[in-house]
Amino acid sequence: MEETMLSPVFSDALNFLALGLGVVLLFAVAYLWSSNSHKAAELERIQSDIKRMKKTLSKLEEKVNQIREPKVVSEVPPVEPFGLDFSEPLSMSITPLKAQDPWLNFIDDYNKLAADMKNPGQLMKCEKFVRNNKLRILTYGGALTFRPAIDVKDSSYWAFKCELDEYAIVPNPMKPCDEEFHDFGGLKEIFALNYQDGVYRKYFVKLPAIFNLNANEGWELKNPGVANLERK
């Protein structure tokens, strides 16, 4: 048989095709190697992160184990508020409140009445006030003693009964405080006043004069009063 002879053109084409396939295979191998290398690096990075997270978790578990478990208290111990000591009886540590003076409301009402004396109808207001409070109307008898007055207008002092034989004494708000009333009417002995001279027409009693009325010895000054005078 005769050997088949390839033409030079066909032979060159086959060689060129083989060369092209070789180049393509070379690029494919290079791509596959690069892709595998990238994946390997990514896998190595992930494994490194996992190891680091495991170490962090291990440290957290150690810290949690070091924390003591909370103690459950079945009964809360009694706590004394504000540091008060209740080991002694309560009555020993608290001072009882002082009883209110029985004349407080009377003095408040009296000062309101005295402030209204410049308005008309003062006599009727004073007579009503005396009746409502069951007051004794008095004149000064000298030496810190009193005598009963005939009527409200002519009285110099009013006496409010507090308890037993104790009375709270106030001046008649209709009677101005002049020199005669101050020096000879008992005011300067019975009350501490801001009187200087002239006539004062308004009283403001801060403390009434407290007297005891004894059936045998009569009126006895227990505590002098305190009053403020105004010229209005």
C-alpha atoms as a PDB file:
ATOM      1  CA  MET A   1       0.000   0.000   0.000  1.00  0.00           C
ATOM      2  CA  GLU A   2       1.096   3.400  -0.589  1.00  0.00           C
ATOM      3  CA  GLU A   3       1.553   5.548   2.416  1.00  0.00           C
ATOM      4  CA  THR A   4      -0.846   8.452   2.569  1.00  0.00           C
ATOM      5  CA  MET A   5       0.983  11.680   2.208  1.00  0.00           C
ATOM      6  CA  LEU A   6      -0.334  14.848   3.931  1.00  0.00           C
ATOM      7  CA  SER A   7      -0.071  18.070   2.137  1.00  0.00           C
ATOM      8  CA  PRO A   8       2.207  20.659   3.732  1.00  0.00           C
ATOM      9  CA  VAL A   9      -0.730  23.063   4.232  1.00  0.00           C
ATOM     10  CA  PHE A  10      -2.808  20.479   6.078  1.00  0.00           C
ATOM     11  CA  SER A  11       0.175  19.527   8.236  1.00  0.00           C
ATOM     12  CA  ASP A  12       0.782  23.133   9.253  1.00  0.00           C
ATOM     13  CA  ALA A  13      -2.898  23.488  10.183  1.00  0.00           C
ATOM     14  CA  LEU A  14      -2.736  20.434  12.455  1.00  0.00           C
ATOM     15  CA  ASN A  15       0.372  21.769  14.153  1.00  0.00           C
ATOM     16  CA  PHE A  16      -1.273  25.160  14.714  1.00  0.00           C
ATOM     17  CA  LEU A  17      -4.372  23.462  16.163  1.00  0.00           C
ATOM     18  CA  ALA A  18      -2.261  21.346  18.515  1.00  0.00           C
ATOM     19  CA  LEU A  19      -0.392  24.460  19.644  1.00  0.00           C
ATOM     20  CA  GLY A  20      -3.683  26.263  20.304  1.00  0.00           C
ATOM     21  CA  LEU A  21      -5.067  23.352  22.336  1.00  0.00           C
ATOM     22  CA  GLY A  22      -1.840  23.299  24.355  1.00  0.00           C
ATOM     23  CA  VAL A  23      -2.186  26.996  25.180  1.00  0.00           C
ATOM     24  CA  VAL A  24      -5.821  26.535  26.179  1.00  0.00           C
ATOM     25  CA  LEU A  25      -4.927  23.599  28.444  1.00  0.00           C
ATOM     26  CA  LEU A  26      -2.130  25.660  29.968  1.00  0.00           C
ATOM     27  CA  PHE A  27      -4.571  28.518  30.825  1.00  0.00           C
ATOM     28  CA  ALA A  28      -7.078  26.032  32.202  1.00  0.00           C
ATOM     29  CA  VAL A  29      -4.488  24.445  34.458  1.00  0.00           C
ATOM     30  CA  ALA A  30      -3.323  27.883  35.595  1.00  0.00           C
ATOM     31  CA  TYR A  31      -6.919  28.948  36.375  1.00  0.00           C
ATOM     32  CA  LEU A  32      -7.657  25.779  38.290  1.00  0.00           C
ATOM     33  CA  TRP A  33      -4.457  26.144  40.318  1.00  0.00           C
ATOM     34  CA  SER A  34      -5.204  29.792  41.112  1.00  0.00           C
ATOM     35  CA  SER A  35      -8.801  29.005  42.125  1.00  0.00           C
ATOM     36  CA  ASN A  36      -7.709  26.158  44.393  1.00  0.00           C
ATOM     37  CA  SER A  37      -5.025  28.366  45.947  1.00  0.00           C
ATOM     38  CA  HIS A  38      -7.611  31.124  46.679  1.00  0.00           C
ATOM     39  CA  LYS A  39     -10.032  28.623  48.189  1.00  0.00           C
ATOM     40  CA  ALA A  40      -7.266  27.163  50.307  1.00  0.00           C
ATOM     41  CA  ALA A  41      -6.368  30.615  51.664  1.00  0.00           C
ATOM     42  CA  GLU A  42     -10.036  31.365  52.434  1.00  0.00           C
ATOM     43  CA  LEU A  43     -10.395  28.014  54.198  1.00  0.00           C
ATOM     44  CA  GLU A  44      -7.275  28.670  56.238  1.00  0.00           C
ATOM     45  CA  ARG A  45      -8.627  32.108  57.292  1.00  0.00           C
ATOM     46  CA  ILE A  46     -11.961  30.607  58.388  1.00  0.00           C
ATOM     47  CA  GLN A  47     -10.213  27.916  60.398  1.00  0.00           C
ATOM     48  CA  SER A  48      -8.098  30.600  62.103  1.00  0.00           C
ATOM     49  CA  ASP A  49     -11.248  32.580  63.028  1.00  0.00           C
ATOM     50  CA  ILE A  50     -12.866  29.450  64.447  1.00  0.00           C
ATOM     51  CA  LYS A  51      -9.847  28.755  66.632  1.00  0.00           C
ATOM     52  CA  ARG A  52      -9.870  32.353  67.907  1.00  0.00           C
ATOM     53  CA  MET A  53     -13.601  32.142  68.730  1.00  0.00           C
ATOM     54  CA  LYS A  54     -13.032  28.884  70.607  1.00  0.00           C
ATOM     55  CA  LYS A  55     -10.391  30.553  72.740  1.00  0.00           C
ATOM     56  CA  THR A  56     -12.738  33.498  73.490  1.00  0.00           C
ATOM     57  CA  LEU A  57     -15.562  31.136  74.483  1.00  0.00           C
ATOM     58  CA  SER A  58     -13.209  29.208  76.714  1.00  0.00           C
ATOM     59  CA  LYS A  59     -12.189  32.387  78.540  1.00  0.00           C
ATOM     60  CA  LEU A  60     -15.839  33.416  78.960  1.00  0.00           C
ATOM     61  CA  GLU A  61     -16.690  30.033  80.470  1.00  0.00           C
ATOM     62  CA  GLU A  62     -13.862  30.433  82.973  1.00  0.00           C
ATOM     63  CA  LYS A  63     -15.128  33.872  84.033  1.00  0.00           C
ATOM     64  CA  VAL A  64     -18.687  32.594  84.387  1.00  0.00           C
ATOM     65  CA  ASN A  65     -17.483  29.752  86.593  1.00  0.00           C
ATOM     66  CA  GLN A  66     -15.663  32.246  88.784  1.00  0.00           C
ATOM     67  CA  ILE A  67     -18.890  34.199  89.492  1.00  0.00           C
ATOM     68  CA  ARG A  68     -20.597  32.963  92.687  1.00  0.00           C
ATOM     69  CA  GLU A  69     -24.172  31.851  92.380  1.00  0.00           C
ATOM     70  CA  PRO A  70     -26.662  34.285  94.014  1.00  0.00           C
ATOM     71  CA  LYS A  71     -27.733  33.342  97.506  1.00  0.00           C
ATOM     72  CA  VAL A  72     -31.475  32.929  97.931  1.00  0.00           C
ATOM     73  CA  VAL A  73     -32.704  34.579 101.164  1.00  0.00           C
ATOM     74  CA  SER A  74     -35.838  32.966 102.488  1.00  0.00           C
ATOM     75  CA  GLU A  75     -36.536  35.720 105.048  1.00  0.00           C
ATOM     76  CA  VAL A  76     -35.488  39.354 104.782  1.00  0.00           C
ATOM     77  CA  PRO A  77     -33.995  40.561 108.091  1.00  0.00           C
ATOM     78  CA  PRO A  78     -35.854  43.554 109.586  1.00  0.00           C
ATOM     79  CA  VAL A  79     -34.147  46.872 108.906  1.00  0.00           C
ATOM     80  CA  GLU A  80     -34.559  49.805 111.296  1.00  0.00           C
ATOM     81  CA  PRO A  81     -35.453  52.876 109.189  1.00  0.00           C
ATOM     82  CA  PHE A  82     -33.176  55.929 109.251  1.00  0.00           C
ATOM     83  CA  GLY A  83     -30.870  54.292 111.777  1.00  0.00           C
ATOM     84  CA  LEU A  84     -33.360  54.370 114.637  1.00  0.00           C
ATOM     85  CA  ASP A  85     -32.629  52.022 117.478  1.00  0.00           C
ATOM     86  CA  PHE A  86     -35.702  50.006 118.419  1.00  0.00           C
ATOM     87  CA  SER A  87     -33.935  47.943 121.027  1.00  0.00           C
ATOM     88  CA  GLU A  88     -35.493  50.223 123.649  1.00  0.00           C
ATOM     89  CA  PRO A  89     -39.220  50.902 124.026  1.00  0.00           C
ATOM     90  CA  LEU A  90     -40.579  53.425 121.532  1.00  0.00           C
ATOM     91  CA  SER A  91     -41.843  55.701 124.275  1.00  0.00           C
ATOM     92  CA  MET A  92     -38.277  56.133 125.512  1.00  0.00           C
ATOM     93  CA  SER A  93     -37.011  57.531 122.179  1.00  0.00           C
ATOM     94  CA  ILE A  94     -39.866  59.875 121.175  1.00  0.00           C
ATOM     95  CA  THR A  95     -40.796  63.019 123.064  1.00  0.00           C
ATOM     96  CA  PRO A  96     -44.580  63.462 123.337  1.00  0.00           C
ATOM     97  CA  LEU A  97     -46.037  66.532 121.624  1.00  0.00           C
ATOM     98  CA  LYS A  98     -46.850  69.446 123.866  1.00  0.00           C
ATOM     99  CA  ALA A  99     -50.558  69.961 124.381  1.00  0.00           C
ATOM    100  CA  GLN A 100     -52.003  72.917 122.482  1.00  0.00           C
ATOM    101  CA  ASP A 101     -52.770  75.969 124.573  1.00  0.00           C
ATOM    102  CA  PRO A 102     -56.551  76.247 124.982  1.00  0.00           C
ATOM    103  CA  TRP A 103     -56.554  79.982 124.216  1.00  0.00           C
ATOM    104  CA  LEU A 104     -54.955  79.819 120.741  1.00  0.00           C
ATOM    105  CA  ASN A 105     -58.186  79.986 118.743  1.00  0.00           C
ATOM    106  CA  PHE A 106     -59.542  82.646 121.076  1.00  0.00           C
ATOM    107  CA  ILE A 107     -56.502  84.887 120.495  1.00  0.00           C
ATOM    108  CA  ASP A 108     -56.734  84.450 116.722  1.00  0.00           C
ATOM    109  CA  ASP A 109     -60.365  85.530 116.759  1.00  0.00           C
ATOM    110  CA  TYR A 110     -59.598  88.389 119.148  1.00  0.00           C
ATOM    111  CA  ASN A 111     -56.890  89.810 116.877  1.00  0.00           C
ATOM    112  CA  LYS A 112     -59.258  89.684 113.904  1.00  0.00           C
ATOM    113  CA  LEU A 113     -61.854  91.565 115.930  1.00  0.00           C
ATOM    114  CA  ALA A 114     -59.279  94.136 117.122  1.00  0.00           C
ATOM    115  CA  ALA A 115     -58.182  94.755 113.520  1.00  0.00           C
ATOM    116  CA  ASP A 116     -61.807  95.586 112.618  1.00  0.00           C
ATOM    117  CA  MET A 117     -62.372  98.233 115.297  1.00  0.00           C
ATOM    118  CA  LYS A 118     -61.987 101.150 112.861  1.00  0.00           C
ATOM    119  CA  ASN A 119     -65.162 100.069 111.036  1.00  0.00           C
ATOM    120  CA  PRO A 120     -68.692 101.028 112.214  1.00  0.00           C
ATOM    121  CA  GLY A 121     -70.663  98.720 114.515  1.00  0.00           C
ATOM    122  CA  GLN A 122     -67.743  97.862 116.775  1.00  0.00           C
ATOM    123  CA  LEU A 123     -69.840  97.790 119.972  1.00  0.00           C
ATOM    124  CA  MET A 124     -72.274  95.229 118.568  1.00  0.00           C
ATOM    125  CA  LYS A 125     -69.389  93.100 117.290  1.00  0.00           C
ATOM    126  CA  CYS A 126     -67.674  93.198 120.692  1.00  0.00           C
ATOM    127  CA  GLU A 127     -70.851  92.329 122.575  1.00  0.00           C
ATOM    128  CA  LYS A 128     -71.441  89.377 120.270  1.00  0.00           C
ATOM    129  CA  PHE A 129     -67.818  88.255 120.678  1.00  0.00           C
ATOM    130  CA  VAL A 130     -68.131  88.412 124.483  1.00  0.00           C
ATOM    131  CA  ARG A 131     -71.334  86.366 124.419  1.00  0.00           C
ATOM    132  CA  ASN A 132     -70.030  83.726 122.008  1.00  0.00           C
ATOM    133  CA  ASN A 133     -66.849  83.176 123.994  1.00  0.00           C
ATOM    134  CA  LYS A 134     -68.538  83.466 127.424  1.00  0.00           C
ATOM    135  CA  LEU A 135     -66.031  86.072 128.539  1.00  0.00           C
ATOM    136  CA  ARG A 136     -65.822  87.845 131.896  1.00  0.00           C
ATOM    137  CA  ILE A 137     -65.787  91.637 131.438  1.00  0.00           C
ATOM    138  CA  LEU A 138     -63.529  93.374 133.975  1.00  0.00           C
ATOM    139  CA  THR A 139     -62.161  96.722 135.137  1.00  0.00           C
ATOM    140  CA  TYR A 140     -58.778  97.155 136.803  1.00  0.00           C
ATOM    141  CA  GLY A 141     -58.845  97.313 140.609  1.00  0.00           C
ATOM    142  CA  GLY A 142     -55.145  98.055 141.159  1.00  0.00           C
ATOM    143  CA  ALA A 143     -52.389  95.786 142.478  1.00  0.00           C
ATOM    144  CA  LEU A 144     -53.001  93.273 139.661  1.00  0.00           C
ATOM    145  CA  THR A 145     -56.614  92.678 140.652  1.00  0.00           C
ATOM    146  CA  PHE A 146     -59.873  93.055 138.708  1.00  0.00           C
ATOM    147  CA  ARG A 147     -63.479  93.953 139.429  1.00  0.00           C
ATOM    148  CA  PRO A 148     -66.553  92.976 137.388  1.00  0.00           C
ATOM    149  CA  ALA A 149     -67.562  95.613 134.803  1.00  0.00           C
ATOM    150  CA  ILE A 150     -71.143  96.823 134.275  1.00  0.00           C
ATOM    151  CA  ASP A 151     -71.180  96.396 130.481  1.00  0.00           C
ATOM    152  CA  VAL A 152     -68.844  95.624 127.582  1.00  0.00           C
ATOM    153  CA  LYS A 153     -68.328  99.274 126.627  1.00  0.00           C
ATOM    154  CA  ASP A 154     -67.076 100.279 130.079  1.00  0.00           C
ATOM    155  CA  SER A 155     -64.834  97.236 130.590  1.00  0.00           C
ATOM    156  CA  SER A 156     -61.041  97.431 130.386  1.00  0.00           C
ATOM    157  CA  TYR A 157     -60.210  93.723 130.105  1.00  0.00           C
ATOM    158  CA  TRP A 158     -61.795  90.506 128.919  1.00  0.00           C
ATOM    159  CA  ALA A 159     -61.118  87.120 130.545  1.00  0.00           C
ATOM    160  CA  PHE A 160     -61.352  83.828 128.612  1.00  0.00           C
ATOM    161  CA  LYS A 161     -61.584  80.730 130.801  1.00  0.00           C
ATOM    162  CA  CYS A 162     -59.006  78.124 129.808  1.00  0.00           C
ATOM    163  CA  GLU A 163     -59.273  75.316 132.338  1.00  0.00           C
ATOM    164  CA  LEU A 164     -60.125  75.008 136.027  1.00  0.00           C
ATOM    165  CA  ASP A 165     -59.368  78.438 137.526  1.00  0.00           C
ATOM    166  CA  GLU A 166     -57.029  79.665 134.754  1.00  0.00           C
ATOM    167  CA  TYR A 167     -57.980  82.635 132.566  1.00  0.00           C
ATOM    168  CA  ALA A 168     -56.437  84.309 129.495  1.00  0.00           C
ATOM    169  CA  ILE A 169     -56.723  88.123 129.855  1.00  0.00           C
ATOM    170  CA  VAL A 170     -56.782  90.588 126.916  1.00  0.00           C
ATOM    171  CA  PRO A 171     -57.472  94.369 126.727  1.00  0.00           C
ATOM    172  CA  ASN A 172     -60.854  95.628 125.560  1.00  0.00           C
ATOM    173  CA  PRO A 173     -60.079  96.427 121.863  1.00  0.00           C
ATOM    174  CA  MET A 174     -62.510  99.380 121.940  1.00  0.00           C
ATOM    175  CA  LYS A 175     -60.470 101.108 124.684  1.00  0.00           C
ATOM    176  CA  PRO A 176     -57.464 103.000 123.261  1.00  0.00           C
ATOM    177  CA  CYS A 177     -54.141 102.706 125.032  1.00  0.00           C
ATOM    178  CA  ASP A 178     -53.260 106.206 126.241  1.00  0.00           C
ATOM    179  CA  GLU A 179     -50.908 107.326 128.978  1.00  0.00           C
ATOM    180  CA  GLU A 180     -53.511 106.942 131.716  1.00  0.00           C
ATOM    181  CA  PHE A 181     -54.545 103.426 130.704  1.00  0.00           C
ATOM    182  CA  HIS A 182     -50.899 102.425 130.298  1.00  0.00           C
ATOM    183  CA  ASP A 183     -49.593 103.858 133.565  1.00  0.00           C
ATOM    184  CA  PHE A 184     -52.618 103.533 135.861  1.00  0.00           C
ATOM    185  CA  GLY A 185     -54.906 101.037 134.153  1.00  0.00           C
ATOM    186  CA  GLY A 186     -52.652  98.010 134.692  1.00  0.00           C
ATOM    187  CA  LEU A 187     -51.416  97.604 131.121  1.00  0.00           C
ATOM    188  CA  LYS A 188     -47.732  98.115 131.887  1.00  0.00           C
ATOM    189  CA  GLU A 189     -47.905  95.573 134.740  1.00  0.00           C
ATOM    190  CA  ILE A 190     -49.959  92.961 132.881  1.00  0.00           C
ATOM    191  CA  PHE A 191     -48.462  93.201 129.366  1.00  0.00           C
ATOM    192  CA  ALA A 192     -45.114  93.792 127.720  1.00  0.00           C
ATOM    193  CA  LEU A 193     -45.911  96.613 125.260  1.00  0.00           C
ATOM    194  CA  ASN A 194     -44.210  98.830 122.708  1.00  0.00           C
ATOM    195  CA  TYR A 195     -45.897 101.925 124.178  1.00  0.00           C
ATOM    196  CA  GLN A 196     -43.934 105.214 124.111  1.00  0.00           C
ATOM    197  CA  ASP A 197     -46.364 108.118 124.335  1.00  0.00           C
ATOM    198  CA  GLY A 198     -49.636 109.374 122.928  1.00  0.00           C
ATOM    199  CA  VAL A 199     -52.587 107.229 121.926  1.00  0.00           C
ATOM    200  CA  TYR A 200     -52.567 103.786 120.314  1.00  0.00           C
ATOM    201  CA  ARG A 201     -55.878 102.513 118.969  1.00  0.00           C
ATOM    202  CA  LYS A 202     -55.058  99.011 117.718  1.00  0.00           C
ATOM    203  CA  TYR A 203     -54.019  95.940 119.730  1.00  0.00           C
ATOM    204  CA  PHE A 204     -52.360  92.788 118.488  1.00  0.00           C
ATOM    205  CA  VAL A 205     -51.973  90.271 121.298  1.00  0.00           C
ATOM    206  CA  LYS A 206     -49.135  87.784 120.815  1.00  0.00           C
ATOM    207  CA  LEU A 207     -49.568  86.166 124.209  1.00  0.00           C
ATOM    208  CA  PRO A 208     -52.463  86.746 126.622  1.00  0.00           C
ATOM    209  CA  ALA A 209     -51.786  87.416 130.280  1.00  0.00           C
ATOM    210  CA  ILE A 210     -52.519  84.228 132.228  1.00  0.00           C
ATOM    211  CA  PHE A 211     -54.206  84.634 135.611  1.00  0.00           C
ATOM    212  CA  ASN A 212     -55.442  82.160 138.170  1.00  0.00           C
ATOM    213  CA  LEU A 213     -58.660  83.046 139.990  1.00  0.00           C
ATOM    214  CA  ASN A 214     -58.614  81.797 143.558  1.00  0.00           C
ATOM    215  CA  ALA A 215     -61.821  81.924 145.562  1.00  0.00           C
ATOM    216  CA  ASN A 216     -59.963  83.179 148.645  1.00  0.00           C
ATOM    217  CA  GLU A 217     -57.024  85.155 147.253  1.00  0.00           C
ATOM    218  CA  GLY A 218     -58.653  86.527 144.095  1.00  0.00           C
ATOM    219  CA  TRP A 219     -56.742  87.125 140.838  1.00  0.00           C
ATOM    220  CA  GLU A 220     -53.118  85.968 140.697  1.00  0.00           C
ATOM    221  CA  LEU A 221     -50.826  86.737 137.739  1.00  0.00           C
ATOM    222  CA  LYS A 222     -49.204  83.557 136.467  1.00  0.00           C
ATOM    223  CA  ASN A 223     -47.633  84.776 133.195  1.00  0.00           C
ATOM    224  CA  PRO A 224     -47.649  88.351 131.831  1.00  0.00           C
ATOM    225  CA  GLY A 225     -48.829  88.837 128.269  1.00  0.00           C
ATOM    226  CA  VAL A 226     -47.176  90.340 125.177  1.00  0.00           C
ATOM    227  CA  ALA A 227     -48.998  92.778 122.877  1.00  0.00           C
ATOM    228  CA  ASN A 228     -48.104  95.068 120.002  1.00  0.00           C
ATOM    229  CA  LEU A 229     -49.708  98.536 119.722  1.00  0.00           C
ATOM    230  CA  GLU A 230     -50.438 100.544 116.591  1.00  0.00           C
ATOM    231  CA  ARG A 231     -51.629 104.159 116.361  1.00  0.00           C
ATOM    232  CA  LYS A 232     -54.098 103.502 113.511  1.00  0.00           C
END
